[in-house]
Amino acid sequence: MNKKLIAIAALLPCLALVGCVTTGSARSPSFTTVAPAKPTPTPSSAAVPAADGIVDTVYIQVFPSRTFKSKHGCRCTLPDSNQELFPAGTPVVFMKLTMTGEWKPSQGNQTYQIVTGTTLKGTQFDGRPEPAVLDTADGPPAAKAAGLPWLPTGLFGSKTDWTVPNDKERSFAAAWYLPTGVDRLLLTVDVPSEGQPLHLIVPLPNAAANASGE
């Protein structure tokens, strides 16, 4: 048989197979490589709160943040004392608080909740009888630096009626001087329309607890 015909006859079975290699060493089958999906960035609002709760239709979340040294004293004293209770240099704990409206069937199609007159009065540190003292000197600048309004009054400004939409949070900041040896804040958020105040136990971050022990 003609050598050329023999070569062609030997080649035909190979041509009938997809991926047949006629020259060089055998290669492993190729596969399509799929890049792993990139994780979706987690928004800061998805962070786990240190404490949260609801009385009726307003959901409150508390996010303890950084601790800093005050530049100014509180200019406050204990009864029968002339010594400043929290002088300049006292540790201060800065916190973010959020309010979210929670709809209930009896409200029909209402899309917001009324939070007019919300206060943090009655807040104190665990183990301390006196009210917690807000740092009104260094707290507002710290809130501004964090891009947050200072207290609910700053969140709503000069508005007479305060409201928060359902399922959408509204945040503000607060900062308290840290007494020595405390590790929990007994936070009271009083939203008058809720009927009674919400009391939350807020564990302080380690940095704050350590600073308060100095």
N, C-alpha and C. Protein backbone atom coordinates (compact mmCIF):
# COMPACT_ATOMS: atom_id res chain seq x y z
N MET A 1 0.86 -1.19 0.00
CA MET A 1 0.00 0.00 0.00
C MET A 1 0.89 1.23 0.00
N ASN A 2 0.45 2.21 -0.73
CA ASN A 2 1.19 3.46 -0.80
C ASN A 2 1.35 4.04 0.58
N LYS A 3 2.57 4.46 0.93
CA LYS A 3 2.84 5.00 2.27
C LYS A 3 1.97 6.20 2.59
N LYS A 4 1.67 7.06 1.59
CA LYS A 4 0.84 8.24 1.82
C LYS A 4 -0.56 7.84 2.20
N LEU A 5 -1.09 6.80 1.54
CA LEU A 5 -2.44 6.34 1.85
C LEU A 5 -2.49 5.75 3.25
N ILE A 6 -1.40 5.02 3.63
CA ILE A 6 -1.35 4.44 4.97
C ILE A 6 -1.36 5.54 6.03
N ALA A 7 -0.65 6.62 5.81
CA ALA A 7 -0.60 7.74 6.77
C ALA A 7 -1.95 8.40 6.91
N ILE A 8 -2.66 8.57 5.76
CA ILE A 8 -3.99 9.20 5.80
C ILE A 8 -4.97 8.31 6.55
N ALA A 9 -4.89 6.99 6.29
CA ALA A 9 -5.78 6.05 6.95
C ALA A 9 -5.57 6.06 8.46
N ALA A 10 -4.32 6.22 8.89
CA ALA A 10 -4.02 6.26 10.33
C ALA A 10 -4.51 7.55 10.97
N LEU A 11 -4.60 8.58 10.17
CA LEU A 11 -4.99 9.90 10.70
C LEU A 11 -6.49 10.06 10.84
N LEU A 12 -7.28 9.38 10.00
CA LEU A 12 -8.74 9.56 9.99
C LEU A 12 -9.39 9.31 11.34
N PRO A 13 -9.09 8.21 12.09
CA PRO A 13 -9.74 8.02 13.41
C PRO A 13 -9.45 9.16 14.37
N CYS A 14 -8.27 9.70 14.25
CA CYS A 14 -7.90 10.80 15.15
C CYS A 14 -8.70 12.04 14.85
N LEU A 15 -8.93 12.34 13.56
CA LEU A 15 -9.69 13.53 13.18
C LEU A 15 -11.14 13.44 13.63
N ALA A 16 -11.63 12.22 13.80
CA ALA A 16 -13.02 12.04 14.23
C ALA A 16 -13.21 12.33 15.71
N LEU A 17 -12.12 12.41 16.45
CA LEU A 17 -12.20 12.66 17.88
C LEU A 17 -11.92 14.12 18.18
N VAL A 18 -12.77 14.75 18.98
CA VAL A 18 -12.59 16.14 19.34
C VAL A 18 -11.43 16.26 20.32
N GLY A 19 -10.53 17.16 20.04
CA GLY A 19 -9.44 17.40 20.96
C GLY A 19 -8.27 16.45 20.78
N CYS A 20 -8.22 15.68 19.69
CA CYS A 20 -7.11 14.76 19.47
C CYS A 20 -5.84 15.54 19.19
N VAL A 21 -4.73 15.12 19.75
CA VAL A 21 -3.45 15.79 19.56
C VAL A 21 -2.58 14.90 18.69
N THR A 22 -2.06 15.45 17.63
CA THR A 22 -1.29 14.65 16.67
C THR A 22 0.19 14.80 16.87
N THR A 23 0.62 15.83 17.55
CA THR A 23 2.05 16.02 17.74
C THR A 23 2.32 16.37 19.18
N GLY A 24 3.53 16.15 19.63
CA GLY A 24 3.93 16.51 20.98
C GLY A 24 3.36 15.55 22.00
N SER A 25 3.64 15.82 23.28
CA SER A 25 3.18 14.96 24.36
C SER A 25 1.70 15.20 24.65
N ALA A 26 1.03 14.22 25.24
CA ALA A 26 -0.40 14.33 25.56
C ALA A 26 -0.63 15.41 26.60
N ARG A 27 -1.72 16.18 26.48
CA ARG A 27 -2.06 17.26 27.41
C ARG A 27 -3.29 16.90 28.22
N SER A 28 -3.34 17.42 29.43
CA SER A 28 -4.51 17.19 30.28
C SER A 28 -5.68 17.98 29.72
N PRO A 29 -6.89 17.47 29.89
CA PRO A 29 -8.08 18.23 29.41
C PRO A 29 -8.14 19.59 30.09
N SER A 30 -8.56 20.60 29.34
CA SER A 30 -8.63 21.95 29.91
C SER A 30 -10.03 22.21 30.47
N PHE A 31 -10.08 22.96 31.60
CA PHE A 31 -11.36 23.31 32.21
C PHE A 31 -11.45 24.82 32.34
N THR A 32 -12.65 25.37 32.30
CA THR A 32 -12.85 26.80 32.47
C THR A 32 -12.69 27.15 33.94
N THR A 33 -11.81 28.10 34.26
CA THR A 33 -11.57 28.52 35.63
C THR A 33 -12.55 29.63 36.01
N VAL A 34 -13.29 29.42 37.10
CA VAL A 34 -14.25 30.42 37.56
C VAL A 34 -13.66 31.12 38.77
N ALA A 35 -13.52 32.44 38.67
CA ALA A 35 -12.96 33.20 39.78
C ALA A 35 -13.93 33.19 40.96
N PRO A 36 -13.43 33.04 42.20
CA PRO A 36 -14.34 33.05 43.36
C PRO A 36 -15.05 34.39 43.49
N ALA A 37 -16.29 34.33 43.90
CA ALA A 37 -17.07 35.57 44.05
C ALA A 37 -16.49 36.41 45.17
N LYS A 38 -16.40 37.69 44.94
CA LYS A 38 -15.91 38.60 45.97
C LYS A 38 -16.98 38.82 47.02
N PRO A 39 -16.62 38.77 48.30
CA PRO A 39 -17.63 38.97 49.34
C PRO A 39 -18.20 40.38 49.28
N THR A 40 -19.48 40.47 49.52
CA THR A 40 -20.13 41.78 49.53
C THR A 40 -19.72 42.55 50.78
N PRO A 41 -19.24 43.79 50.62
CA PRO A 41 -18.84 44.56 51.81
C PRO A 41 -19.99 44.69 52.79
N THR A 42 -19.69 44.53 54.05
CA THR A 42 -20.72 44.64 55.08
C THR A 42 -20.86 46.08 55.52
N PRO A 43 -22.04 46.70 55.36
CA PRO A 43 -22.21 48.10 55.77
C PRO A 43 -22.09 48.25 57.26
N SER A 44 -21.67 49.44 57.69
CA SER A 44 -21.49 49.67 59.12
C SER A 44 -22.79 49.50 59.89
N SER A 45 -23.91 49.77 59.21
CA SER A 45 -25.19 49.67 59.89
C SER A 45 -25.53 48.22 60.24
N ALA A 46 -24.78 47.25 59.61
CA ALA A 46 -25.03 45.85 59.90
C ALA A 46 -24.26 45.38 61.13
N ALA A 47 -23.48 46.25 61.75
CA ALA A 47 -22.72 45.88 62.94
C ALA A 47 -23.68 45.47 64.05
N VAL A 48 -23.22 44.58 64.90
CA VAL A 48 -24.05 44.10 66.00
C VAL A 48 -24.08 45.14 67.11
N PRO A 49 -25.26 45.59 67.53
CA PRO A 49 -25.33 46.59 68.61
C PRO A 49 -24.94 45.98 69.94
N ALA A 50 -24.45 46.82 70.83
CA ALA A 50 -24.11 46.37 72.18
C ALA A 50 -25.38 46.14 72.99
N ALA A 51 -26.44 46.85 72.65
CA ALA A 51 -27.74 46.68 73.32
C ALA A 51 -28.83 47.18 72.38
N ASP A 52 -30.00 46.60 72.48
CA ASP A 52 -31.12 47.05 71.66
C ASP A 52 -32.42 46.65 72.33
N GLY A 53 -33.50 47.32 71.94
CA GLY A 53 -34.80 47.00 72.53
C GLY A 53 -35.89 47.87 71.96
N ILE A 54 -37.13 47.53 72.29
CA ILE A 54 -38.29 48.25 71.81
C ILE A 54 -39.38 48.22 72.88
N VAL A 55 -40.09 49.33 73.04
CA VAL A 55 -41.22 49.36 73.96
C VAL A 55 -42.51 49.11 73.19
N ASP A 56 -42.71 49.87 72.12
CA ASP A 56 -43.95 49.75 71.35
C ASP A 56 -43.69 49.81 69.85
N THR A 57 -43.29 50.97 69.36
CA THR A 57 -43.12 51.12 67.91
C THR A 57 -41.80 51.77 67.51
N VAL A 58 -40.89 51.96 68.46
CA VAL A 58 -39.60 52.56 68.13
C VAL A 58 -38.49 51.62 68.61
N TYR A 59 -37.73 51.12 67.66
CA TYR A 59 -36.64 50.18 67.95
C TYR A 59 -35.36 50.98 68.16
N ILE A 60 -34.69 50.74 69.30
CA ILE A 60 -33.48 51.47 69.67
C ILE A 60 -32.28 50.53 69.61
N GLN A 61 -31.19 50.99 69.01
CA GLN A 61 -29.93 50.26 69.00
C GLN A 61 -28.82 51.17 69.52
N VAL A 62 -27.88 50.57 70.26
CA VAL A 62 -26.78 51.33 70.84
C VAL A 62 -25.45 50.71 70.40
N PHE A 63 -24.57 51.55 69.86
CA PHE A 63 -23.27 51.10 69.38
C PHE A 63 -22.16 51.87 70.10
N PRO A 64 -21.57 51.29 71.16
CA PRO A 64 -20.45 51.97 71.81
C PRO A 64 -19.29 52.12 70.84
N SER A 65 -18.65 53.27 70.90
CA SER A 65 -17.55 53.54 69.98
C SER A 65 -16.29 53.84 70.77
N ARG A 66 -15.56 54.82 70.33
CA ARG A 66 -14.25 55.07 70.92
C ARG A 66 -14.34 55.76 72.29
N THR A 67 -13.24 55.68 73.00
CA THR A 67 -13.09 56.39 74.27
C THR A 67 -12.02 57.45 74.08
N PHE A 68 -12.24 58.63 74.60
CA PHE A 68 -11.23 59.69 74.48
C PHE A 68 -11.10 60.45 75.79
N LYS A 69 -10.02 61.19 75.91
CA LYS A 69 -9.79 62.01 77.10
C LYS A 69 -10.43 63.39 76.90
N SER A 70 -11.18 63.83 77.87
CA SER A 70 -11.84 65.13 77.75
C SER A 70 -10.82 66.27 77.82
N LYS A 71 -11.05 67.30 77.05
CA LYS A 71 -10.20 68.50 77.09
C LYS A 71 -10.72 69.51 78.10
N HIS A 72 -11.98 69.34 78.46
CA HIS A 72 -12.61 70.25 79.41
C HIS A 72 -13.27 69.46 80.54
N GLY A 73 -13.35 70.06 81.71
CA GLY A 73 -14.04 69.43 82.83
C GLY A 73 -15.53 69.64 82.73
N CYS A 74 -16.27 68.94 83.57
CA CYS A 74 -17.73 69.06 83.52
C CYS A 74 -18.25 70.29 84.25
N ARG A 75 -17.39 70.92 85.07
CA ARG A 75 -17.81 72.07 85.88
C ARG A 75 -18.98 71.69 86.79
N CYS A 76 -18.93 70.45 87.26
CA CYS A 76 -19.98 69.98 88.16
C CYS A 76 -19.33 69.40 89.41
N THR A 77 -20.04 69.44 90.51
CA THR A 77 -19.53 68.93 91.78
C THR A 77 -20.58 68.07 92.46
N LEU A 78 -20.13 67.24 93.38
CA LEU A 78 -21.06 66.49 94.21
C LEU A 78 -21.62 67.40 95.29
N PRO A 79 -22.76 67.09 95.85
CA PRO A 79 -23.32 67.91 96.94
C PRO A 79 -22.32 68.05 98.09
N ASP A 80 -22.25 69.25 98.64
CA ASP A 80 -21.36 69.54 99.77
C ASP A 80 -19.88 69.34 99.43
N SER A 81 -19.52 69.58 98.19
CA SER A 81 -18.13 69.45 97.76
C SER A 81 -17.79 70.55 96.76
N ASN A 82 -16.57 71.03 96.83
CA ASN A 82 -16.11 72.04 95.88
C ASN A 82 -15.22 71.44 94.79
N GLN A 83 -14.95 70.15 94.89
CA GLN A 83 -14.06 69.49 93.93
C GLN A 83 -14.83 69.11 92.67
N GLU A 84 -14.25 69.42 91.51
CA GLU A 84 -14.91 69.11 90.24
C GLU A 84 -15.03 67.59 90.10
N LEU A 85 -16.21 67.14 89.77
CA LEU A 85 -16.48 65.71 89.69
C LEU A 85 -15.70 65.04 88.55
N PHE A 86 -15.70 65.67 87.38
CA PHE A 86 -14.98 65.13 86.23
C PHE A 86 -14.10 66.23 85.63
N PRO A 87 -12.86 66.35 86.09
CA PRO A 87 -11.96 67.39 85.58
C PRO A 87 -11.47 67.06 84.17
N ALA A 88 -10.79 68.01 83.54
CA ALA A 88 -10.20 67.79 82.22
C ALA A 88 -9.27 66.58 82.29
N GLY A 89 -9.31 65.76 81.25
CA GLY A 89 -8.50 64.54 81.23
C GLY A 89 -9.27 63.30 81.63
N THR A 90 -10.51 63.49 82.09
CA THR A 90 -11.34 62.34 82.45
C THR A 90 -11.71 61.56 81.19
N PRO A 91 -11.67 60.23 81.21
CA PRO A 91 -12.09 59.45 80.04
C PRO A 91 -13.58 59.68 79.74
N VAL A 92 -13.89 59.67 78.46
CA VAL A 92 -15.27 59.86 77.99
C VAL A 92 -15.60 58.74 77.01
N VAL A 93 -16.78 58.14 77.13
CA VAL A 93 -17.20 57.11 76.19
C VAL A 93 -18.19 57.72 75.20
N PHE A 94 -17.92 57.50 73.92
CA PHE A 94 -18.72 58.06 72.83
C PHE A 94 -19.59 56.94 72.25
N MET A 95 -20.88 57.22 72.08
CA MET A 95 -21.80 56.19 71.58
C MET A 95 -22.69 56.70 70.46
N LYS A 96 -23.02 55.77 69.57
CA LYS A 96 -23.98 56.04 68.51
C LYS A 96 -25.29 55.34 68.87
N LEU A 97 -26.40 56.07 68.78
CA LEU A 97 -27.72 55.51 69.05
C LEU A 97 -28.58 55.65 67.80
N THR A 98 -29.36 54.63 67.49
CA THR A 98 -30.25 54.71 66.35
C THR A 98 -31.69 54.46 66.78
N MET A 99 -32.62 55.09 66.06
CA MET A 99 -34.05 54.88 66.27
C MET A 99 -34.66 54.49 64.94
N THR A 100 -35.44 53.41 64.95
CA THR A 100 -36.10 52.93 63.74
C THR A 100 -37.58 52.73 64.02
N GLY A 101 -38.43 53.24 63.16
CA GLY A 101 -39.86 53.07 63.33
C GLY A 101 -40.29 51.64 63.03
N GLU A 102 -41.13 51.07 63.89
CA GLU A 102 -41.63 49.70 63.71
C GLU A 102 -43.15 49.74 63.60
N TRP A 103 -43.67 49.43 62.43
CA TRP A 103 -45.11 49.49 62.18
C TRP A 103 -45.85 48.35 62.88
N LYS A 104 -47.07 48.62 63.32
CA LYS A 104 -47.93 47.56 63.86
C LYS A 104 -49.29 47.65 63.17
N PRO A 105 -49.97 46.53 63.01
CA PRO A 105 -51.22 46.49 62.23
C PRO A 105 -52.26 47.53 62.62
N SER A 106 -52.35 47.84 63.90
CA SER A 106 -53.39 48.78 64.33
C SER A 106 -53.16 50.20 63.81
N GLN A 107 -51.97 50.45 63.25
CA GLN A 107 -51.66 51.79 62.74
C GLN A 107 -52.04 51.99 61.28
N GLY A 108 -52.66 50.97 60.69
CA GLY A 108 -53.10 51.10 59.30
C GLY A 108 -51.94 51.30 58.35
N ASN A 109 -51.98 52.39 57.58
CA ASN A 109 -50.95 52.65 56.58
C ASN A 109 -49.90 53.67 57.05
N GLN A 110 -49.81 53.88 58.34
CA GLN A 110 -48.84 54.85 58.86
C GLN A 110 -47.42 54.44 58.49
N THR A 111 -46.64 55.38 57.97
CA THR A 111 -45.30 55.07 57.48
C THR A 111 -44.19 55.61 58.38
N TYR A 112 -44.55 56.16 59.53
CA TYR A 112 -43.55 56.74 60.43
C TYR A 112 -44.01 56.58 61.87
N GLN A 113 -43.07 56.86 62.81
CA GLN A 113 -43.41 56.83 64.23
C GLN A 113 -43.00 58.17 64.85
N ILE A 114 -43.78 58.61 65.81
CA ILE A 114 -43.55 59.90 66.46
C ILE A 114 -42.58 59.73 67.62
N VAL A 115 -41.51 60.51 67.63
CA VAL A 115 -40.51 60.42 68.70
C VAL A 115 -40.25 61.80 69.32
N THR A 116 -41.21 62.69 69.19
CA THR A 116 -41.06 64.05 69.71
C THR A 116 -40.69 64.05 71.19
N GLY A 117 -39.68 64.85 71.55
CA GLY A 117 -39.30 65.01 72.94
C GLY A 117 -38.45 63.90 73.52
N THR A 118 -37.85 63.06 72.66
CA THR A 118 -37.00 61.97 73.16
C THR A 118 -35.84 62.50 74.01
N THR A 119 -35.60 61.88 75.17
CA THR A 119 -34.50 62.29 76.05
C THR A 119 -33.73 61.06 76.53
N LEU A 120 -32.56 61.31 77.10
CA LEU A 120 -31.75 60.26 77.71
C LEU A 120 -31.68 60.45 79.22
N LYS A 121 -32.61 61.21 79.75
CA LYS A 121 -32.62 61.48 81.20
C LYS A 121 -32.85 60.21 81.98
N GLY A 122 -32.19 60.10 83.13
CA GLY A 122 -32.31 58.91 83.95
C GLY A 122 -31.19 57.91 83.72
N THR A 123 -30.33 58.19 82.71
CA THR A 123 -29.21 57.30 82.42
C THR A 123 -28.16 57.39 83.54
N GLN A 124 -27.62 56.25 83.94
CA GLN A 124 -26.57 56.24 84.95
C GLN A 124 -25.65 55.03 84.71
N PHE A 125 -24.52 55.00 85.38
CA PHE A 125 -23.61 53.87 85.26
C PHE A 125 -23.93 52.84 86.34
N ASP A 126 -23.79 51.58 86.00
CA ASP A 126 -24.08 50.50 86.93
C ASP A 126 -23.20 50.65 88.18
N GLY A 127 -23.84 50.62 89.34
CA GLY A 127 -23.11 50.74 90.60
C GLY A 127 -22.93 52.16 91.09
N ARG A 128 -23.39 53.12 90.29
CA ARG A 128 -23.27 54.54 90.69
C ARG A 128 -24.67 55.12 90.91
N PRO A 129 -24.91 55.79 92.02
CA PRO A 129 -26.25 56.31 92.31
C PRO A 129 -26.60 57.58 91.55
N GLU A 130 -25.56 58.37 91.19
CA GLU A 130 -25.84 59.65 90.54
C GLU A 130 -26.09 59.46 89.04
N PRO A 131 -26.80 60.39 88.41
CA PRO A 131 -27.02 60.32 86.96
C PRO A 131 -25.70 60.41 86.20
N ALA A 132 -25.65 59.77 85.05
CA ALA A 132 -24.48 59.89 84.18
C ALA A 132 -24.42 61.33 83.66
N VAL A 133 -23.20 61.84 83.51
CA VAL A 133 -23.03 63.24 83.09
C VAL A 133 -22.57 63.29 81.64
N LEU A 134 -23.36 63.93 80.80
CA LEU A 134 -23.00 64.10 79.39
C LEU A 134 -21.83 65.07 79.26
N ASP A 135 -20.91 64.76 78.37
CA ASP A 135 -19.81 65.67 78.08
C ASP A 135 -20.28 66.64 77.00
N THR A 136 -20.86 67.73 77.43
CA THR A 136 -21.42 68.70 76.48
C THR A 136 -20.37 69.65 75.91
N ALA A 137 -19.12 69.53 76.40
CA ALA A 137 -18.04 70.38 75.87
C ALA A 137 -17.33 69.71 74.70
N ASP A 138 -16.88 68.47 74.92
CA ASP A 138 -16.14 67.75 73.88
C ASP A 138 -17.01 66.79 73.09
N GLY A 139 -18.20 66.46 73.60
CA GLY A 139 -19.08 65.53 72.90
C GLY A 139 -19.57 66.04 71.56
N PRO A 140 -20.12 67.27 71.48
CA PRO A 140 -20.61 67.76 70.20
C PRO A 140 -19.56 67.79 69.09
N PRO A 141 -18.32 68.27 69.36
CA PRO A 141 -17.30 68.21 68.30
C PRO A 141 -16.96 66.77 67.88
N ALA A 142 -16.97 65.84 68.86
CA ALA A 142 -16.71 64.44 68.54
C ALA A 142 -17.82 63.88 67.64
N ALA A 143 -19.07 64.27 67.91
CA ALA A 143 -20.20 63.83 67.09
C ALA A 143 -20.07 64.38 65.67
N LYS A 144 -19.71 65.63 65.57
CA LYS A 144 -19.55 66.26 64.26
C LYS A 144 -18.46 65.57 63.46
N ALA A 145 -17.35 65.23 64.13
CA ALA A 145 -16.24 64.54 63.46
C ALA A 145 -16.67 63.17 62.96
N ALA A 146 -17.62 62.54 63.67
CA ALA A 146 -18.12 61.23 63.27
C ALA A 146 -19.26 61.32 62.27
N GLY A 147 -19.65 62.54 61.91
CA GLY A 147 -20.74 62.72 60.95
C GLY A 147 -22.10 62.45 61.53
N LEU A 148 -22.26 62.67 62.85
CA LEU A 148 -23.52 62.40 63.52
C LEU A 148 -24.02 63.65 64.23
N PRO A 149 -25.34 63.84 64.33
CA PRO A 149 -25.87 64.93 65.14
C PRO A 149 -25.70 64.62 66.61
N TRP A 150 -25.59 65.67 67.43
CA TRP A 150 -25.41 65.50 68.87
C TRP A 150 -26.78 65.43 69.55
N LEU A 151 -27.11 64.28 70.12
CA LEU A 151 -28.37 64.04 70.82
C LEU A 151 -29.57 64.13 69.87
N PRO A 152 -30.75 63.65 70.30
CA PRO A 152 -31.92 63.72 69.41
C PRO A 152 -32.30 65.14 69.05
N THR A 153 -32.01 66.10 69.92
CA THR A 153 -32.33 67.50 69.59
C THR A 153 -31.52 67.94 68.38
N GLY A 154 -30.31 67.45 68.25
CA GLY A 154 -29.51 67.78 67.07
C GLY A 154 -29.98 67.05 65.84
N LEU A 155 -30.52 65.84 66.03
CA LEU A 155 -31.02 65.07 64.90
C LEU A 155 -32.22 65.75 64.24
N PHE A 156 -33.08 66.33 65.06
CA PHE A 156 -34.30 66.94 64.53
C PHE A 156 -34.25 68.46 64.48
N GLY A 157 -33.18 69.03 65.04
CA GLY A 157 -33.02 70.48 64.94
C GLY A 157 -34.16 71.26 65.56
N SER A 158 -34.65 72.24 64.83
CA SER A 158 -35.70 73.12 65.35
C SER A 158 -37.11 72.61 65.05
N LYS A 159 -37.21 71.40 64.49
CA LYS A 159 -38.54 70.87 64.16
C LYS A 159 -39.36 70.66 65.43
N THR A 160 -40.63 71.00 65.35
CA THR A 160 -41.54 70.80 66.49
C THR A 160 -41.95 69.35 66.61
N ASP A 161 -42.20 68.72 65.47
CA ASP A 161 -42.61 67.31 65.45
C ASP A 161 -41.45 66.44 64.99
N TRP A 162 -41.08 65.49 65.84
CA TRP A 162 -39.99 64.58 65.51
C TRP A 162 -40.57 63.25 65.07
N THR A 163 -40.14 62.73 63.93
CA THR A 163 -40.61 61.44 63.45
C THR A 163 -39.45 60.63 62.85
N VAL A 164 -39.58 59.32 62.90
CA VAL A 164 -38.64 58.44 62.23
C VAL A 164 -39.44 57.52 61.31
N PRO A 165 -38.95 57.30 60.09
CA PRO A 165 -39.69 56.43 59.15
C PRO A 165 -39.63 54.97 59.57
N ASN A 166 -40.61 54.21 59.14
CA ASN A 166 -40.61 52.77 59.42
C ASN A 166 -39.50 52.09 58.63
N ASP A 167 -38.78 51.21 59.28
CA ASP A 167 -37.74 50.39 58.65
C ASP A 167 -36.53 51.18 58.16
N LYS A 168 -36.40 52.42 58.59
CA LYS A 168 -35.22 53.21 58.23
C LYS A 168 -34.70 53.89 59.49
N GLU A 169 -33.44 53.63 59.79
CA GLU A 169 -32.89 54.14 61.05
C GLU A 169 -32.46 55.60 60.93
N ARG A 170 -32.52 56.29 62.07
CA ARG A 170 -32.00 57.64 62.21
C ARG A 170 -31.06 57.63 63.41
N SER A 171 -29.85 58.13 63.23
CA SER A 171 -28.83 58.01 64.26
C SER A 171 -28.38 59.34 64.83
N PHE A 172 -27.97 59.31 66.09
CA PHE A 172 -27.39 60.48 66.74
C PHE A 172 -26.32 59.98 67.71
N ALA A 173 -25.56 60.91 68.29
CA ALA A 173 -24.46 60.54 69.18
C ALA A 173 -24.67 61.12 70.57
N ALA A 174 -24.04 60.47 71.53
CA ALA A 174 -24.01 60.95 72.92
C ALA A 174 -22.67 60.52 73.50
N ALA A 175 -22.19 61.27 74.50
CA ALA A 175 -20.92 60.93 75.14
C ALA A 175 -21.01 61.27 76.62
N TRP A 176 -20.56 60.34 77.45
CA TRP A 176 -20.64 60.52 78.90
C TRP A 176 -19.25 60.43 79.52
N TYR A 177 -19.03 61.25 80.58
CA TYR A 177 -17.81 61.11 81.38
C TYR A 177 -17.86 59.75 82.07
N LEU A 178 -16.70 59.09 82.14
CA LEU A 178 -16.63 57.77 82.75
C LEU A 178 -16.17 57.84 84.20
N PRO A 179 -17.01 57.44 85.14
CA PRO A 179 -16.55 57.35 86.54
C PRO A 179 -15.55 56.20 86.67
N THR A 180 -14.85 56.17 87.77
CA THR A 180 -13.88 55.10 88.00
C THR A 180 -14.57 53.76 88.29
N GLY A 181 -14.02 52.70 87.69
CA GLY A 181 -14.47 51.35 88.01
C GLY A 181 -15.83 50.94 87.49
N VAL A 182 -16.28 51.49 86.35
CA VAL A 182 -17.57 51.08 85.79
C VAL A 182 -17.36 50.26 84.53
N ASP A 183 -18.30 49.38 84.24
CA ASP A 183 -18.19 48.59 83.01
C ASP A 183 -19.52 48.46 82.27
N ARG A 184 -20.59 49.08 82.81
CA ARG A 184 -21.88 49.04 82.12
C ARG A 184 -22.61 50.38 82.28
N LEU A 185 -23.28 50.77 81.22
CA LEU A 185 -24.11 51.97 81.25
C LEU A 185 -25.57 51.54 81.33
N LEU A 186 -26.30 52.08 82.28
CA LEU A 186 -27.74 51.80 82.39
C LEU A 186 -28.46 52.92 81.66
N LEU A 187 -28.70 52.69 80.39
CA LEU A 187 -29.21 53.72 79.50
C LEU A 187 -30.74 53.79 79.53
N THR A 188 -31.26 54.99 79.67
CA THR A 188 -32.70 55.22 79.61
C THR A 188 -33.01 56.10 78.41
N VAL A 189 -33.78 55.56 77.48
CA VAL A 189 -34.22 56.32 76.31
C VAL A 189 -35.72 56.53 76.47
N ASP A 190 -36.11 57.75 76.72
CA ASP A 190 -37.52 58.05 76.97
C ASP A 190 -38.14 58.69 75.74
N VAL A 191 -38.94 57.92 75.02
CA VAL A 191 -39.71 58.42 73.87
C VAL A 191 -41.14 58.57 74.38
N PRO A 192 -41.61 59.80 74.64
CA PRO A 192 -42.92 60.01 75.27
C PRO A 192 -44.07 59.23 74.62
N SER A 193 -44.08 59.13 73.30
CA SER A 193 -45.19 58.45 72.63
C SER A 193 -45.20 56.95 72.88
N GLU A 194 -44.10 56.41 73.41
CA GLU A 194 -44.04 54.97 73.67
C GLU A 194 -44.80 54.57 74.93
N GLY A 195 -45.10 55.55 75.79
CA GLY A 195 -45.86 55.25 77.00
C GLY A 195 -45.00 55.02 78.22
N GLN A 196 -43.80 54.51 78.04
CA GLN A 196 -42.86 54.30 79.14
C GLN A 196 -41.44 54.30 78.59
N PRO A 197 -40.45 54.64 79.41
CA PRO A 197 -39.06 54.68 78.95
C PRO A 197 -38.54 53.27 78.64
N LEU A 198 -37.56 53.23 77.76
CA LEU A 198 -36.86 51.98 77.47
C LEU A 198 -35.56 51.97 78.27
N HIS A 199 -35.34 50.92 79.04
CA HIS A 199 -34.13 50.79 79.86
C HIS A 199 -33.24 49.71 79.24
N LEU A 200 -32.01 50.08 78.93
CA LEU A 200 -31.07 49.16 78.30
C LEU A 200 -29.78 49.08 79.12
N ILE A 201 -29.26 47.87 79.25
CA ILE A 201 -27.95 47.67 79.89
C ILE A 201 -26.91 47.60 78.77
N VAL A 202 -26.02 48.57 78.74
CA VAL A 202 -25.04 48.66 77.66
C VAL A 202 -23.65 48.32 78.19
N PRO A 203 -23.10 47.15 77.83
CA PRO A 203 -21.73 46.83 78.25
C PRO A 203 -20.76 47.82 77.59
N LEU A 204 -19.81 48.31 78.35
CA LEU A 204 -18.85 49.26 77.79
C LEU A 204 -17.76 48.49 77.05
N PRO A 205 -17.23 49.05 75.96
CA PRO A 205 -16.13 48.40 75.27
C PRO A 205 -14.92 48.28 76.20
N ASN A 206 -14.07 47.32 75.94
CA ASN A 206 -12.91 47.08 76.81
C ASN A 206 -12.07 48.33 77.04
N ALA A 207 -11.89 49.11 75.98
CA ALA A 207 -11.07 50.31 76.11
C ALA A 207 -11.68 51.28 77.11
N ALA A 208 -13.02 51.38 77.09
CA ALA A 208 -13.71 52.29 78.01
C ALA A 208 -13.63 51.76 79.44
N ALA A 209 -13.85 50.45 79.60
CA ALA A 209 -13.81 49.86 80.93
C ALA A 209 -12.41 49.99 81.54
N ASN A 210 -11.40 49.78 80.69
CA ASN A 210 -10.02 49.91 81.18
C ASN A 210 -9.69 51.35 81.55
N ALA A 211 -10.20 52.28 80.72
CA ALA A 211 -9.92 53.69 80.99
C ALA A 211 -10.58 54.15 82.29
N SER A 212 -11.76 53.61 82.58
CA SER A 212 -12.48 54.03 83.78
C SER A 212 -11.83 53.49 85.03
N GLY A 213 -10.95 52.51 84.88
CA GLY A 213 -10.29 51.95 86.04
C GLY A 213 -8.98 52.62 86.38
N GLU A 214 -8.57 53.62 85.57
CA GLU A 214 -7.31 54.30 85.81
C GLU A 214 -7.36 55.13 87.07
